Every structure is written in C-alpha cells, then in structure tokens.
Amino acid sequence: MDNPKKLRLIIIIAAVVIAAVSIGAVEYTSQTGFCNSCHEMNETYAGWQTGIHSGEHCYGCHTDEGIIAKAKVKVNGLREVYIHLTEEVNMDKVVADVPDRRCAKCHDFTGDKYKNTVPGQRIAAFHAQHKEYKFDCLTCHRTVGHTKESFVGFTDSCKACHLAKKTASK
C-alpha cells in the first residue's frame, strides 16, 4: 500500500467512526430520560412524569417536526450544556418556547369531537374567543407539561379583561 491509498483508507475509517459516534450521540440525547440528566431539570422532569402529558416525548411540545428542527435543538442543547457547566441556573427564569402549533397537533378544538356536545361547544367557543384576543395556549396552560395541573386558574392575564368588565359595569 502506498501512502495516498493508506491516507484515503484512514480518512474513510475516521469518517465512518465520526458518523457512527455522531448518530449514536444524537439518538442517546434524544431519549426523554436524557432531558433529566442535568440536576436543574429534576423538578420539571418529576412534574412531567406525573402530569397529563407523561406519555408524550419532550420533543412533542419543545420541538417542531423535521430534521432541521432537530438539528436546531441539538445545537441549542450544546449551548445549554455550556450554561450548565459555567453558570448557576435559576429554573424560575427559564421560559420554554412552545408555540400554539405544537399544542394544536393534538388539541384541535374545531373538530367534530367538540361540535357534537354542549360541553365541547363551550370549550371550542372559549378557546376561539381567547384566540381572538391573541392569547396563546400557555397563557392559561403554562404548567400543563410539568405538573398535574392543566389549567393555571384565574391569572393576572384573566383579570385584565374579566375584572375590568365587572368594574366598568358597576
């Protein structure tokens, strides 16, 4: 074997090893349990395990579908590892981006399921009305993925409209 052939073989073997390790790392870090590998996530993870969405993978709410979205999550994950290793993380200040389109994959309030019952019609109307006022799902359901509670109750966001109407009518 002359040197160019040996070098080419070494490069091919190195590329295969790097690809295999990369694929393995992506698969390993894509497991739901991996999300709890940082101590900051213990309370959040425990809440998810006992909550209504415990059967759903973290990616269902925290990632869009597709390879590009998964790549973005992996790059962001590297940033989070850096922060974990270099800073004290205050989880009370961490805000996850969960756009309504991810909720709507499972929760579509326009379907027959809601049109055919009186409670369903009320739920659909309630959601449509609040959508009209530009409230997103997390306004009322911000704890749904990580606690047993699926509705946060009467918040300051609610009071801004509902108490204002009561005060104005007096």
N, C-alpha and C. Protein backbone atom coordinates (compact mmCIF):
# COMPACT_ATOMS: atom_id res chain seq x y z
N MET A 1 0.84 -1.19 0.00
CA MET A 1 0.00 0.00 0.00
C MET A 1 0.88 1.24 0.00
N ASP A 2 0.62 2.12 -0.94
CA ASP A 2 1.39 3.35 -0.92
C ASP A 2 0.68 4.38 -0.04
N ASN A 3 1.32 5.48 0.24
CA ASN A 3 0.80 6.48 1.19
C ASN A 3 -0.55 7.08 0.82
N PRO A 4 -0.82 7.45 -0.45
CA PRO A 4 -2.14 8.02 -0.76
C PRO A 4 -3.27 7.03 -0.48
N LYS A 5 -3.08 5.77 -0.79
CA LYS A 5 -4.13 4.78 -0.52
C LYS A 5 -4.32 4.60 0.99
N LYS A 6 -3.24 4.56 1.73
CA LYS A 6 -3.31 4.40 3.18
C LYS A 6 -4.00 5.61 3.81
N LEU A 7 -3.65 6.78 3.33
CA LEU A 7 -4.27 8.00 3.85
C LEU A 7 -5.77 8.02 3.55
N ARG A 8 -6.14 7.63 2.34
CA ARG A 8 -7.55 7.57 1.95
C ARG A 8 -8.31 6.58 2.84
N LEU A 9 -7.74 5.44 3.11
CA LEU A 9 -8.35 4.44 3.97
C LEU A 9 -8.53 4.97 5.39
N ILE A 10 -7.52 5.63 5.90
CA ILE A 10 -7.60 6.21 7.25
C ILE A 10 -8.70 7.27 7.31
N ILE A 11 -8.81 8.09 6.28
CA ILE A 11 -9.85 9.13 6.23
C ILE A 11 -11.24 8.49 6.18
N ILE A 12 -11.41 7.46 5.39
CA ILE A 12 -12.70 6.78 5.29
C ILE A 12 -13.08 6.15 6.62
N ILE A 13 -12.14 5.47 7.25
CA ILE A 13 -12.41 4.84 8.55
C ILE A 13 -12.75 5.91 9.60
N ALA A 14 -12.00 7.00 9.60
CA ALA A 14 -12.27 8.09 10.55
C ALA A 14 -13.65 8.69 10.31
N ALA A 15 -14.02 8.87 9.06
CA ALA A 15 -15.33 9.43 8.73
C ALA A 15 -16.46 8.51 9.20
N VAL A 16 -16.28 7.20 9.01
CA VAL A 16 -17.29 6.23 9.44
C VAL A 16 -17.40 6.24 10.96
N VAL A 17 -16.29 6.28 11.66
CA VAL A 17 -16.31 6.31 13.13
C VAL A 17 -16.97 7.59 13.62
N ILE A 18 -16.62 8.73 13.05
CA ILE A 18 -17.22 10.01 13.46
C ILE A 18 -18.72 10.00 13.19
N ALA A 19 -19.14 9.49 12.04
CA ALA A 19 -20.57 9.42 11.71
C ALA A 19 -21.30 8.51 12.70
N ALA A 20 -20.72 7.36 13.01
CA ALA A 20 -21.37 6.42 13.94
C ALA A 20 -21.49 7.03 15.34
N VAL A 21 -20.44 7.67 15.80
CA VAL A 21 -20.47 8.30 17.12
C VAL A 21 -21.49 9.44 17.14
N SER A 22 -21.53 10.23 16.07
CA SER A 22 -22.49 11.34 15.99
C SER A 22 -23.93 10.84 16.00
N ILE A 23 -24.21 9.83 15.21
CA ILE A 23 -25.57 9.26 15.17
C ILE A 23 -25.93 8.68 16.52
N GLY A 24 -25.01 7.98 17.15
CA GLY A 24 -25.25 7.43 18.48
C GLY A 24 -25.51 8.52 19.50
N ALA A 25 -24.74 9.60 19.44
CA ALA A 25 -24.93 10.71 20.38
C ALA A 25 -26.28 11.38 20.17
N VAL A 26 -26.68 11.57 18.93
CA VAL A 26 -27.98 12.18 18.63
C VAL A 26 -29.10 11.29 19.17
N GLU A 27 -29.01 10.01 18.94
CA GLU A 27 -30.05 9.09 19.42
C GLU A 27 -30.09 9.04 20.95
N TYR A 28 -28.94 8.98 21.58
CA TYR A 28 -28.87 8.93 23.04
C TYR A 28 -29.46 10.19 23.66
N THR A 29 -29.09 11.34 23.12
CA THR A 29 -29.57 12.61 23.68
C THR A 29 -31.01 12.92 23.27
N SER A 30 -31.60 12.09 22.43
CA SER A 30 -32.99 12.29 22.01
C SER A 30 -33.97 11.51 22.90
N GLN A 31 -33.46 10.75 23.84
CA GLN A 31 -34.33 10.00 24.74
C GLN A 31 -34.89 10.93 25.80
N THR A 32 -36.14 10.74 26.16
CA THR A 32 -36.79 11.61 27.14
C THR A 32 -36.01 11.65 28.45
N GLY A 33 -35.52 10.52 28.90
CA GLY A 33 -34.76 10.48 30.15
C GLY A 33 -33.51 11.33 30.13
N PHE A 34 -32.95 11.57 28.96
CA PHE A 34 -31.75 12.40 28.87
C PHE A 34 -32.04 13.83 29.31
N CYS A 35 -33.26 14.27 29.10
CA CYS A 35 -33.63 15.64 29.49
C CYS A 35 -33.43 15.86 30.99
N ASN A 36 -33.45 14.81 31.76
CA ASN A 36 -33.29 14.92 33.21
C ASN A 36 -31.84 14.71 33.65
N SER A 37 -30.90 14.65 32.74
CA SER A 37 -29.52 14.38 33.13
C SER A 37 -28.85 15.59 33.79
N CYS A 38 -29.45 16.75 33.69
CA CYS A 38 -28.95 17.93 34.40
C CYS A 38 -29.81 18.13 35.66
N HIS A 39 -29.15 18.39 36.80
CA HIS A 39 -29.88 18.48 38.07
C HIS A 39 -30.95 19.57 38.05
N GLU A 40 -30.79 20.58 37.22
CA GLU A 40 -31.79 21.65 37.17
C GLU A 40 -33.15 21.15 36.70
N MET A 41 -33.16 20.05 35.99
CA MET A 41 -34.40 19.54 35.40
C MET A 41 -35.16 18.57 36.32
N ASN A 42 -34.62 18.25 37.49
CA ASN A 42 -35.25 17.24 38.34
C ASN A 42 -36.72 17.54 38.65
N GLU A 43 -37.02 18.75 39.09
CA GLU A 43 -38.40 19.10 39.45
C GLU A 43 -39.30 19.10 38.21
N THR A 44 -38.80 19.65 37.13
CA THR A 44 -39.56 19.71 35.88
C THR A 44 -39.84 18.31 35.37
N TYR A 45 -38.84 17.46 35.39
CA TYR A 45 -38.99 16.08 34.92
C TYR A 45 -39.97 15.29 35.79
N ALA A 46 -39.85 15.47 37.10
CA ALA A 46 -40.76 14.77 38.02
C ALA A 46 -42.20 15.22 37.77
N GLY A 47 -42.39 16.50 37.52
CA GLY A 47 -43.72 17.01 37.20
C GLY A 47 -44.26 16.43 35.91
N TRP A 48 -43.38 16.31 34.92
CA TRP A 48 -43.78 15.71 33.63
C TRP A 48 -44.21 14.25 33.84
N GLN A 49 -43.45 13.50 34.65
CA GLN A 49 -43.75 12.08 34.87
C GLN A 49 -45.12 11.87 35.49
N THR A 50 -45.58 12.80 36.31
CA THR A 50 -46.87 12.64 36.98
C THR A 50 -47.98 13.43 36.31
N GLY A 51 -47.64 14.19 35.30
CA GLY A 51 -48.62 15.06 34.65
C GLY A 51 -49.40 14.37 33.54
N ILE A 52 -50.33 15.12 32.99
CA ILE A 52 -51.23 14.61 31.97
C ILE A 52 -50.52 14.26 30.66
N HIS A 53 -49.36 14.85 30.41
CA HIS A 53 -48.62 14.59 29.18
C HIS A 53 -47.46 13.62 29.37
N SER A 54 -47.48 12.83 30.43
CA SER A 54 -46.35 11.92 30.72
C SER A 54 -46.09 10.91 29.62
N GLY A 55 -47.07 10.62 28.81
CA GLY A 55 -46.88 9.67 27.72
C GLY A 55 -46.29 10.30 26.47
N GLU A 56 -46.14 11.60 26.48
CA GLU A 56 -45.60 12.31 25.33
C GLU A 56 -44.10 12.53 25.48
N HIS A 57 -43.40 12.49 24.37
CA HIS A 57 -41.96 12.77 24.36
C HIS A 57 -41.75 14.27 24.50
N CYS A 58 -40.69 14.67 25.14
CA CYS A 58 -40.39 16.10 25.32
C CYS A 58 -40.42 16.84 23.98
N TYR A 59 -39.94 16.18 22.93
CA TYR A 59 -39.89 16.84 21.62
C TYR A 59 -41.27 17.20 21.10
N GLY A 60 -42.31 16.49 21.52
CA GLY A 60 -43.65 16.79 21.04
C GLY A 60 -44.07 18.22 21.31
N CYS A 61 -43.66 18.76 22.44
CA CYS A 61 -44.01 20.14 22.81
C CYS A 61 -42.85 21.11 22.57
N HIS A 62 -41.63 20.62 22.70
CA HIS A 62 -40.48 21.52 22.69
C HIS A 62 -39.72 21.56 21.36
N THR A 63 -40.20 20.86 20.34
CA THR A 63 -39.50 20.84 19.05
C THR A 63 -40.51 20.73 17.92
N ASP A 64 -40.22 21.43 16.85
CA ASP A 64 -41.02 21.25 15.64
C ASP A 64 -40.57 19.96 14.97
N GLU A 65 -41.35 19.50 14.00
CA GLU A 65 -41.01 18.26 13.30
C GLU A 65 -39.97 18.53 12.22
N GLY A 66 -39.21 17.50 11.90
CA GLY A 66 -38.26 17.59 10.79
C GLY A 66 -36.81 17.61 11.24
N ILE A 67 -35.94 17.31 10.29
CA ILE A 67 -34.50 17.19 10.56
C ILE A 67 -33.87 18.54 10.91
N ILE A 68 -34.33 19.61 10.27
CA ILE A 68 -33.78 20.94 10.55
C ILE A 68 -34.11 21.34 11.98
N ALA A 69 -35.34 21.12 12.38
CA ALA A 69 -35.75 21.45 13.75
C ALA A 69 -34.94 20.64 14.77
N LYS A 70 -34.73 19.36 14.47
CA LYS A 70 -33.95 18.51 15.39
C LYS A 70 -32.51 19.00 15.48
N ALA A 71 -31.96 19.43 14.35
CA ALA A 71 -30.58 19.97 14.35
C ALA A 71 -30.51 21.23 15.21
N LYS A 72 -31.52 22.10 15.09
CA LYS A 72 -31.54 23.32 15.91
C LYS A 72 -31.59 22.98 17.39
N VAL A 73 -32.38 21.96 17.75
CA VAL A 73 -32.48 21.55 19.15
C VAL A 73 -31.14 21.03 19.65
N LYS A 74 -30.45 20.29 18.81
CA LYS A 74 -29.15 19.74 19.22
C LYS A 74 -28.12 20.85 19.42
N VAL A 75 -28.13 21.85 18.55
CA VAL A 75 -27.21 22.99 18.70
C VAL A 75 -27.56 23.76 19.96
N ASN A 76 -28.85 23.99 20.19
CA ASN A 76 -29.28 24.67 21.41
C ASN A 76 -28.91 23.85 22.64
N GLY A 77 -28.98 22.53 22.53
CA GLY A 77 -28.60 21.66 23.63
C GLY A 77 -27.13 21.83 24.01
N LEU A 78 -26.28 22.02 23.02
CA LEU A 78 -24.86 22.28 23.31
C LEU A 78 -24.70 23.58 24.09
N ARG A 79 -25.50 24.59 23.72
CA ARG A 79 -25.47 25.87 24.44
C ARG A 79 -25.92 25.65 25.88
N GLU A 80 -26.96 24.83 26.07
CA GLU A 80 -27.46 24.56 27.41
C GLU A 80 -26.44 23.79 28.26
N VAL A 81 -25.70 22.88 27.63
CA VAL A 81 -24.63 22.16 28.35
C VAL A 81 -23.57 23.16 28.81
N TYR A 82 -23.20 24.08 27.94
CA TYR A 82 -22.21 25.12 28.29
C TYR A 82 -22.71 25.93 29.48
N ILE A 83 -23.98 26.36 29.44
CA ILE A 83 -24.55 27.14 30.54
C ILE A 83 -24.57 26.31 31.82
N HIS A 84 -24.95 25.05 31.71
CA HIS A 84 -24.98 24.14 32.86
C HIS A 84 -23.61 24.04 33.53
N LEU A 85 -22.58 24.00 32.72
CA LEU A 85 -21.22 23.83 33.25
C LEU A 85 -20.59 25.13 33.74
N THR A 86 -21.08 26.28 33.28
CA THR A 86 -20.41 27.55 33.59
C THR A 86 -21.22 28.51 34.45
N GLU A 87 -22.50 28.27 34.64
CA GLU A 87 -23.34 29.21 35.38
C GLU A 87 -24.25 28.48 36.36
N GLU A 88 -24.76 29.22 37.33
CA GLU A 88 -25.80 28.70 38.22
C GLU A 88 -27.14 29.02 37.55
N VAL A 89 -27.91 27.99 37.25
CA VAL A 89 -29.15 28.18 36.51
C VAL A 89 -30.33 28.34 37.46
N ASN A 90 -31.11 29.40 37.27
CA ASN A 90 -32.32 29.62 38.04
C ASN A 90 -33.49 29.19 37.16
N MET A 91 -34.06 28.03 37.44
CA MET A 91 -35.13 27.48 36.60
C MET A 91 -36.39 28.33 36.62
N ASP A 92 -36.56 29.16 37.66
CA ASP A 92 -37.73 30.04 37.70
C ASP A 92 -37.69 31.07 36.57
N LYS A 93 -36.50 31.33 36.06
CA LYS A 93 -36.35 32.33 34.99
C LYS A 93 -36.29 31.70 33.60
N VAL A 94 -36.30 30.38 33.54
CA VAL A 94 -36.24 29.69 32.25
C VAL A 94 -37.64 29.66 31.65
N VAL A 95 -37.74 30.11 30.42
CA VAL A 95 -39.03 30.11 29.72
C VAL A 95 -38.86 29.33 28.43
N ALA A 96 -39.64 28.28 28.29
CA ALA A 96 -39.56 27.46 27.09
C ALA A 96 -40.49 28.02 26.03
N ASP A 97 -40.04 27.99 24.80
CA ASP A 97 -40.86 28.43 23.68
C ASP A 97 -41.70 27.24 23.22
N VAL A 98 -43.00 27.32 23.45
CA VAL A 98 -43.92 26.28 23.00
C VAL A 98 -45.04 26.97 22.22
N PRO A 99 -44.85 27.14 20.92
CA PRO A 99 -45.88 27.81 20.13
C PRO A 99 -47.16 26.98 20.03
N ASP A 100 -48.27 27.66 19.82
CA ASP A 100 -49.58 27.01 19.75
C ASP A 100 -49.65 25.91 18.71
N ARG A 101 -48.90 26.02 17.63
CA ARG A 101 -48.98 25.00 16.58
C ARG A 101 -48.59 23.62 17.11
N ARG A 102 -47.73 23.58 18.12
CA ARG A 102 -47.36 22.29 18.70
C ARG A 102 -48.50 21.73 19.54
N CYS A 103 -49.22 22.58 20.25
CA CYS A 103 -50.38 22.12 21.02
C CYS A 103 -51.47 21.62 20.07
N ALA A 104 -51.64 22.35 18.97
CA ALA A 104 -52.73 22.06 18.03
C ALA A 104 -52.54 20.72 17.31
N LYS A 105 -51.33 20.16 17.34
CA LYS A 105 -51.13 18.84 16.73
C LYS A 105 -52.02 17.80 17.40
N CYS A 106 -52.26 17.96 18.70
CA CYS A 106 -53.09 17.01 19.44
C CYS A 106 -54.42 17.62 19.87
N HIS A 107 -54.46 18.92 20.04
CA HIS A 107 -55.63 19.59 20.58
C HIS A 107 -56.23 20.52 19.53
N ASP A 108 -57.10 19.99 18.71
CA ASP A 108 -57.78 20.75 17.66
C ASP A 108 -59.22 20.98 18.11
N PHE A 109 -59.55 22.21 18.47
CA PHE A 109 -60.88 22.50 19.01
C PHE A 109 -61.91 22.83 17.93
N THR A 110 -61.58 22.51 16.70
CA THR A 110 -62.53 22.78 15.62
C THR A 110 -63.18 21.51 15.09
N GLY A 111 -62.77 20.36 15.59
CA GLY A 111 -63.26 19.09 15.05
C GLY A 111 -64.63 18.68 15.57
N ASP A 112 -65.14 17.59 15.02
CA ASP A 112 -66.46 17.07 15.38
C ASP A 112 -66.57 16.70 16.86
N LYS A 113 -65.46 16.29 17.43
CA LYS A 113 -65.46 15.91 18.85
C LYS A 113 -66.05 17.04 19.70
N TYR A 114 -65.80 18.26 19.32
CA TYR A 114 -66.26 19.41 20.10
C TYR A 114 -67.59 19.95 19.62
N LYS A 115 -67.89 19.78 18.35
CA LYS A 115 -69.13 20.33 17.79
C LYS A 115 -70.35 19.51 18.20
N ASN A 116 -70.17 18.26 18.59
CA ASN A 116 -71.30 17.36 18.83
C ASN A 116 -71.78 17.28 20.27
N THR A 117 -71.15 18.01 21.18
CA THR A 117 -71.62 18.00 22.57
C THR A 117 -71.68 19.44 23.08
N VAL A 118 -72.57 19.69 24.02
CA VAL A 118 -72.68 21.03 24.59
C VAL A 118 -71.39 21.43 25.32
N PRO A 119 -70.83 20.56 26.20
CA PRO A 119 -69.56 20.94 26.83
C PRO A 119 -68.46 21.18 25.79
N GLY A 120 -68.43 20.36 24.76
CA GLY A 120 -67.44 20.53 23.71
C GLY A 120 -67.60 21.84 22.98
N GLN A 121 -68.84 22.23 22.71
CA GLN A 121 -69.09 23.51 22.05
C GLN A 121 -68.62 24.66 22.92
N ARG A 122 -68.84 24.55 24.23
CA ARG A 122 -68.39 25.61 25.15
C ARG A 122 -66.86 25.69 25.17
N ILE A 123 -66.20 24.54 25.20
CA ILE A 123 -64.74 24.52 25.19
C ILE A 123 -64.22 25.14 23.90
N ALA A 124 -64.80 24.75 22.78
CA ALA A 124 -64.36 25.29 21.49
C ALA A 124 -64.60 26.79 21.42
N ALA A 125 -65.76 27.27 21.89
CA ALA A 125 -66.07 28.70 21.86
C ALA A 125 -65.12 29.47 22.78
N PHE A 126 -64.85 28.92 23.95
CA PHE A 126 -63.93 29.55 24.90
C PHE A 126 -62.55 29.73 24.27
N HIS A 127 -62.05 28.67 23.67
CA HIS A 127 -60.73 28.75 23.04
C HIS A 127 -60.73 29.71 21.86
N ALA A 128 -61.77 29.69 21.04
CA ALA A 128 -61.85 30.58 19.89
C ALA A 128 -61.87 32.04 20.34
N GLN A 129 -62.63 32.32 21.39
CA GLN A 129 -62.71 33.69 21.89
C GLN A 129 -61.36 34.18 22.39
N HIS A 130 -60.66 33.35 23.12
CA HIS A 130 -59.37 33.77 23.66
C HIS A 130 -58.31 33.86 22.58
N LYS A 131 -58.44 33.04 21.54
CA LYS A 131 -57.55 33.16 20.37
C LYS A 131 -57.75 34.51 19.70
N GLU A 132 -59.02 34.93 19.63
CA GLU A 132 -59.38 36.21 19.01
C GLU A 132 -58.67 37.36 19.72
N TYR A 133 -58.50 37.23 21.03
CA TYR A 133 -57.81 38.26 21.81
C TYR A 133 -56.30 38.04 21.87
N LYS A 134 -55.82 37.15 21.05
CA LYS A 134 -54.38 36.89 20.89
C LYS A 134 -53.72 36.24 22.11
N PHE A 135 -54.49 35.50 22.90
CA PHE A 135 -53.90 34.72 23.98
C PHE A 135 -53.37 33.43 23.39
N ASP A 136 -52.17 33.04 23.79
CA ASP A 136 -51.67 31.75 23.33
C ASP A 136 -52.03 30.69 24.36
N CYS A 137 -51.81 29.44 24.01
CA CYS A 137 -52.19 28.32 24.89
C CYS A 137 -51.56 28.43 26.27
N LEU A 138 -50.30 28.87 26.32
CA LEU A 138 -49.59 28.90 27.60
C LEU A 138 -50.07 30.00 28.53
N THR A 139 -50.88 30.93 28.04
CA THR A 139 -51.45 31.93 28.93
C THR A 139 -52.24 31.25 30.03
N CYS A 140 -53.04 30.27 29.65
CA CYS A 140 -53.87 29.55 30.63
C CYS A 140 -53.30 28.19 31.03
N HIS A 141 -52.42 27.64 30.20
CA HIS A 141 -51.96 26.27 30.42
C HIS A 141 -50.43 26.19 30.55
N ARG A 142 -49.80 27.18 31.15
CA ARG A 142 -48.33 27.24 31.18
C ARG A 142 -47.69 26.11 31.98
N THR A 143 -48.41 25.49 32.89
CA THR A 143 -47.83 24.42 33.71
C THR A 143 -48.20 23.03 33.22
N VAL A 144 -48.94 22.93 32.13
CA VAL A 144 -49.55 21.66 31.73
C VAL A 144 -48.54 20.52 31.51
N GLY A 145 -47.39 20.78 31.01
CA GLY A 145 -46.46 19.71 30.71
C GLY A 145 -45.66 19.20 31.88
N HIS A 146 -45.62 19.97 32.96
CA HIS A 146 -44.71 19.64 34.04
C HIS A 146 -45.33 19.63 35.43
N THR A 147 -46.65 19.57 35.49
CA THR A 147 -47.35 19.43 36.76
C THR A 147 -48.62 18.62 36.50
N LYS A 148 -49.32 18.28 37.56
CA LYS A 148 -50.59 17.58 37.41
C LYS A 148 -51.68 18.54 36.95
N GLU A 149 -51.46 19.83 37.14
CA GLU A 149 -52.45 20.83 36.77
C GLU A 149 -52.38 21.09 35.27
N SER A 150 -53.55 21.20 34.64
CA SER A 150 -53.55 21.52 33.21
C SER A 150 -54.03 22.94 32.96
N PHE A 151 -54.58 23.59 33.98
CA PHE A 151 -55.09 24.95 33.85
C PHE A 151 -54.58 25.73 35.04
N VAL A 152 -54.01 26.91 34.80
CA VAL A 152 -53.39 27.66 35.89
C VAL A 152 -54.36 28.49 36.71
N GLY A 153 -55.61 28.58 36.29
CA GLY A 153 -56.59 29.32 37.06
C GLY A 153 -56.67 30.78 36.66
N PHE A 154 -57.29 31.56 37.49
CA PHE A 154 -57.56 32.97 37.22
C PHE A 154 -56.29 33.77 37.45
N THR A 155 -55.59 34.12 36.39
CA THR A 155 -54.30 34.79 36.48
C THR A 155 -54.45 36.30 36.25
N ASP A 156 -53.34 36.99 36.36
CA ASP A 156 -53.35 38.43 36.07
C ASP A 156 -53.80 38.71 34.64
N SER A 157 -53.44 37.81 33.72
CA SER A 157 -53.89 37.97 32.34
C SER A 157 -55.41 37.94 32.25
N CYS A 158 -56.04 37.05 33.02
CA CYS A 158 -57.51 36.95 33.03
C CYS A 158 -58.11 38.21 33.64
N LYS A 159 -57.52 38.65 34.75
CA LYS A 159 -58.06 39.79 35.49
C LYS A 159 -58.07 41.06 34.65
N ALA A 160 -57.09 41.18 33.75
CA ALA A 160 -57.00 42.38 32.93
C ALA A 160 -58.29 42.61 32.15
N CYS A 161 -58.93 41.56 31.67
CA CYS A 161 -60.19 41.70 30.91
C CYS A 161 -61.41 41.47 31.79
N HIS A 162 -61.42 40.38 32.52
CA HIS A 162 -62.63 39.97 33.22
C HIS A 162 -62.98 40.88 34.39
N LEU A 163 -62.00 41.31 35.17
CA LEU A 163 -62.29 42.24 36.26
C LEU A 163 -62.55 43.64 35.74
N ALA A 164 -61.91 44.00 34.63
CA ALA A 164 -62.15 45.32 34.04
C ALA A 164 -63.61 45.43 33.60
N LYS A 165 -64.18 44.36 33.03
CA LYS A 165 -65.58 44.37 32.60
C LYS A 165 -66.52 44.51 33.80
N LYS A 166 -66.23 43.82 34.89
CA LYS A 166 -67.08 43.89 36.08
C LYS A 166 -67.01 45.28 36.70
N THR A 167 -65.82 45.86 36.76
CA THR A 167 -65.65 47.18 37.34
C THR A 167 -66.36 48.23 36.49
N ALA A 168 -66.26 48.11 35.17
CA ALA A 168 -66.88 49.07 34.27
C ALA A 168 -68.40 49.02 34.31
N SER A 169 -68.97 47.86 34.60
CA SER A 169 -70.42 47.72 34.59
C SER A 169 -71.07 48.19 35.89
N LYS A 170 -70.29 48.46 36.91
CA LYS A 170 -70.86 48.90 38.21
C LYS A 170 -71.28 50.34 38.17
